[in-house]
Amino acid sequence: MRVDLQTKVATRNRILKVAATLFARQGWDRATTRSIAASAGIATGTLFNYFPSKEAIAATLISDALTKAKDEFEEGCRGESLEEDLFSYIWTGLRYLRPSKTFLGCALDTLLSPLARSSPDHPGDLIRTEHLETVERLIASHHRVRQPLSALTMQLYWTLYLGVLAYWAKDVSPKLEDTMALLDQSLKLFVTSLEEGASAFGDACSEREETNESQR
């Protein structure tokens, strides 16, 4: 029997809803594709027609939340500094990730760490790529940071970001004040590294121009 598009969409959404509930109740490690399929009322093989792995399901939940957060952020007003924009972008994402908070901390290394890759098309890669592209655009929009961004610079940012996510997942402070403080300090560190890099880049360019001028 042919399954129409509406049924496919409904099944996919049901899988995501059930998975989010099981991840929250059973924890990341105990929730399995078999239990997700059973709770969704489908065969495990049918689930694999929609998602190739548990990681792909979780990545979709996270990606959907971050996409909504990004849309809200881009519709809002920009801050006066890069730190303000980055803080707003990340904090908006954390608000939308709240339903995933109970399992995200345990799944971070599996889903978002570039050091843990089981295949070239790992489900967390798209999340990381899209997030870093937005961050690079924000950096480019602030004229004090002009030099090309190195892979090392973006890795520094991603490491700080993952640290904030891991801390936030376990933060029980009132109104997540401790996470806010950590995020603020992390962004100061990152922006300072950018500005120092920009200064060094400018000095190097000046020295090169002076050398070229003296050789003429």
Protein backbone atom coordinates (compact mmCIF):
# COMPACT_ATOMS: atom_id res chain seq x y z
CA MET A 1 0.00 0.00 0.00
CA ARG A 2 1.39 3.38 -1.01
CA VAL A 3 1.83 5.82 1.86
CA ASP A 4 0.86 9.38 0.96
CA LEU A 5 2.89 12.46 1.88
CA GLN A 6 0.54 13.52 4.66
CA THR A 7 0.89 10.14 6.36
CA LYS A 8 4.68 10.26 6.02
CA VAL A 9 4.82 13.71 7.61
CA ALA A 10 2.53 12.59 10.43
CA THR A 11 4.65 9.51 11.07
CA ARG A 12 7.87 11.50 11.06
CA ASN A 13 6.44 14.03 13.50
CA ARG A 14 5.17 11.24 15.75
CA ILE A 15 8.62 9.65 15.83
CA LEU A 16 10.18 12.96 16.83
CA LYS A 17 7.59 13.63 19.54
CA VAL A 18 7.88 10.13 21.00
CA ALA A 19 11.68 10.24 20.86
CA ALA A 20 11.81 13.56 22.72
CA THR A 21 9.61 12.08 25.46
CA LEU A 22 11.69 8.89 25.78
CA PHE A 23 14.99 10.77 25.76
CA ALA A 24 13.65 12.89 28.64
CA ARG A 25 12.17 10.01 30.65
CA GLN A 26 14.62 7.18 30.03
CA GLY A 27 17.80 9.13 29.36
CA TRP A 28 19.99 9.20 26.29
CA ASP A 29 21.65 5.84 26.81
CA ARG A 30 18.53 3.82 27.67
CA ALA A 31 16.29 5.13 24.91
CA THR A 32 16.75 2.98 21.80
CA THR A 33 15.44 3.00 18.25
CA ARG A 34 13.47 -0.15 19.15
CA SER A 35 11.73 1.54 22.09
CA ILE A 36 11.10 4.68 20.04
CA ALA A 37 9.53 2.65 17.23
CA ALA A 38 7.37 0.66 19.65
CA SER A 39 6.10 3.83 21.35
CA ALA A 40 5.38 5.39 17.95
CA GLY A 41 3.39 2.30 16.94
CA ILE A 42 5.60 1.35 14.00
CA ALA A 43 8.12 -1.36 13.20
CA THR A 44 11.80 -0.66 13.82
CA GLY A 45 12.45 -1.13 10.11
CA THR A 46 9.84 1.52 9.33
CA LEU A 47 11.57 3.95 11.68
CA PHE A 48 14.79 3.49 9.72
CA ASN A 49 12.97 4.64 6.59
CA TYR A 50 12.74 8.04 8.28
CA PHE A 51 15.87 8.19 10.43
CA PRO A 52 19.00 6.04 10.08
CA SER A 53 19.91 6.19 13.78
CA LYS A 54 19.01 7.47 17.23
CA GLU A 55 21.61 10.20 16.72
CA ALA A 56 19.83 11.36 13.57
CA ILE A 57 16.55 11.68 15.49
CA ALA A 58 18.18 13.70 18.26
CA ALA A 59 20.04 15.84 15.73
CA THR A 60 16.75 16.64 14.01
CA LEU A 61 15.16 17.70 17.31
CA ILE A 62 18.12 19.95 18.04
CA SER A 63 18.33 21.30 14.49
CA ASP A 64 14.61 22.15 14.39
CA ALA A 65 14.90 24.01 17.70
CA LEU A 66 17.99 25.95 16.62
CA THR A 67 16.41 26.87 13.28
CA LYS A 68 13.46 28.44 15.09
CA ALA A 69 15.87 30.22 17.42
CA LYS A 70 17.88 31.54 14.49
CA ASP A 71 14.73 32.86 12.81
CA GLU A 72 13.74 34.70 15.99
CA PHE A 73 17.23 36.11 16.44
CA GLU A 74 17.47 37.38 12.87
CA GLU A 75 14.11 39.09 13.16
CA GLY A 76 15.25 41.02 16.23
CA CYS A 77 17.43 44.08 16.64
CA ARG A 78 21.21 43.83 16.53
CA GLY A 79 23.37 44.81 19.47
CA GLU A 80 26.10 47.42 19.42
CA SER A 81 28.90 44.89 19.85
CA LEU A 82 29.87 41.45 18.63
CA GLU A 83 29.66 40.13 22.18
CA GLU A 84 26.05 41.30 22.47
CA ASP A 85 25.06 39.70 19.19
CA LEU A 86 26.75 36.40 19.98
CA PHE A 87 25.24 36.34 23.47
CA SER A 88 21.76 36.99 22.08
CA TYR A 89 22.16 34.36 19.36
CA ILE A 90 23.36 31.64 21.74
CA TRP A 91 20.89 32.49 24.51
CA THR A 92 17.98 32.39 22.10
CA GLY A 93 19.15 28.94 21.03
CA LEU A 94 19.26 27.76 24.65
CA ARG A 95 15.67 28.85 25.18
CA TYR A 96 14.52 26.79 22.23
CA LEU A 97 16.66 23.84 23.30
CA ARG A 98 15.03 23.68 26.73
CA PRO A 99 12.86 20.61 25.84
CA SER A 100 16.09 18.78 24.96
CA LYS A 101 17.97 19.84 28.09
CA THR A 102 17.53 16.56 29.97
CA PHE A 103 19.32 14.49 27.33
CA LEU A 104 21.49 16.98 25.49
CA GLY A 105 24.22 17.03 28.11
CA CYS A 106 24.71 13.27 27.82
CA ALA A 107 24.52 13.31 24.02
CA LEU A 108 26.87 16.24 23.35
CA ASP A 109 30.00 14.21 22.68
CA THR A 110 28.12 11.81 20.42
CA LEU A 111 26.22 14.47 18.50
CA LEU A 112 28.24 17.66 18.31
CA SER A 113 31.88 16.97 19.04
CA PRO A 114 33.98 17.04 15.83
CA LEU A 115 36.27 14.50 17.49
CA ALA A 116 33.55 11.81 17.55
CA ARG A 117 32.67 10.81 14.02
CA SER A 118 31.28 7.44 13.05
CA SER A 119 30.69 8.36 9.39
CA PRO A 120 31.43 11.19 6.93
CA ASP A 121 27.78 12.30 7.03
CA HIS A 122 27.46 12.40 10.81
CA PRO A 123 24.06 13.91 11.81
CA GLY A 124 25.67 16.56 14.02
CA ASP A 125 27.81 18.01 11.24
CA LEU A 126 25.01 20.04 9.69
CA ILE A 127 24.15 21.60 13.06
CA ARG A 128 27.76 22.60 13.60
CA THR A 129 28.19 23.94 10.05
CA GLU A 130 25.04 26.06 10.10
CA HIS A 131 25.81 27.46 13.55
CA LEU A 132 29.36 28.40 12.62
CA GLU A 133 28.23 30.00 9.36
CA THR A 134 25.90 32.28 11.33
CA VAL A 135 28.69 33.12 13.77
CA GLU A 136 31.05 33.96 10.91
CA ARG A 137 28.44 36.29 9.41
CA LEU A 138 28.02 38.02 12.75
CA ILE A 139 31.77 38.45 13.07
CA ALA A 140 31.99 39.82 9.52
CA SER A 141 29.24 42.35 10.27
CA HIS A 142 31.44 43.97 12.91
CA HIS A 143 34.11 45.92 11.05
CA ARG A 144 36.73 45.70 13.76
CA VAL A 145 37.20 42.03 12.86
CA ARG A 146 38.38 41.90 9.25
CA GLN A 147 40.94 39.14 8.92
CA PRO A 148 40.01 35.75 7.44
CA LEU A 149 38.91 33.42 10.20
CA SER A 150 41.13 30.41 10.66
CA ALA A 151 39.96 26.89 11.40
CA LEU A 152 41.70 27.20 14.77
CA THR A 153 39.67 30.31 15.61
CA MET A 154 36.38 28.61 14.82
CA GLN A 155 37.46 25.52 16.75
CA LEU A 156 38.12 27.75 19.76
CA TYR A 157 34.62 29.15 19.45
CA TRP A 158 33.02 25.71 19.06
CA THR A 159 34.89 24.37 22.09
CA LEU A 160 33.65 27.28 24.20
CA TYR A 161 30.12 26.81 22.85
CA LEU A 162 30.07 23.10 23.71
CA GLY A 163 31.33 23.96 27.18
CA VAL A 164 28.44 26.37 27.67
CA LEU A 165 25.95 23.76 26.43
CA ALA A 166 27.32 21.12 28.80
CA TYR A 167 27.19 23.51 31.76
CA TRP A 168 23.69 24.75 30.87
CA ALA A 169 22.37 21.17 30.68
CA LYS A 170 23.14 20.70 34.38
CA ASP A 171 22.66 24.26 35.62
CA VAL A 172 20.15 24.54 38.49
CA SER A 173 20.91 28.15 39.43
CA PRO A 174 17.99 30.62 39.60
CA LYS A 175 17.10 31.78 36.09
CA LEU A 176 20.26 30.04 34.81
CA GLU A 177 22.36 32.88 36.18
CA ASP A 178 25.49 30.71 36.33
CA THR A 179 25.16 29.79 32.66
CA MET A 180 24.72 33.44 31.77
CA ALA A 181 27.92 34.30 33.64
CA LEU A 182 29.85 31.49 31.95
CA LEU A 183 28.55 32.49 28.53
CA ASP A 184 29.50 36.11 29.14
CA GLN A 185 33.06 35.20 30.17
CA SER A 186 33.46 32.71 27.31
CA LEU A 187 32.44 35.31 24.74
CA LYS A 188 34.77 37.89 26.21
CA LEU A 189 37.60 35.38 25.84
CA PHE A 190 36.63 34.60 22.26
CA VAL A 191 36.17 38.21 21.15
CA THR A 192 39.44 39.20 22.80
CA SER A 193 41.21 36.45 20.85
CA LEU A 194 39.66 37.81 17.66
CA GLU A 195 40.73 41.38 18.36
CA GLU A 196 44.26 40.32 19.23
CA GLY A 197 44.35 38.26 16.07
CA ALA A 198 43.09 41.23 14.05
CA SER A 199 45.79 43.44 15.56
CA ALA A 200 48.50 40.93 14.77
CA PHE A 201 47.12 40.52 11.25
CA GLY A 202 47.17 44.29 10.75
CA ASP A 203 50.73 44.58 12.04
CA ALA A 204 51.86 41.81 9.71
CA CYS A 205 50.23 43.55 6.74
CA SER A 206 51.88 46.84 7.65
CA GLU A 207 55.28 45.18 7.96
CA ARG A 208 54.81 43.50 4.58
CA GLU A 209 53.85 46.79 2.96
CA GLU A 210 56.89 48.51 4.48
CA THR A 211 59.15 45.70 3.27
CA ASN A 212 57.71 45.89 -0.24
CA GLU A 213 58.10 49.67 -0.27
CA SER A 214 61.74 49.49 0.81
CA GLN A 215 62.49 46.97 -1.94
CA ARG A 216 61.18 49.20 -4.70
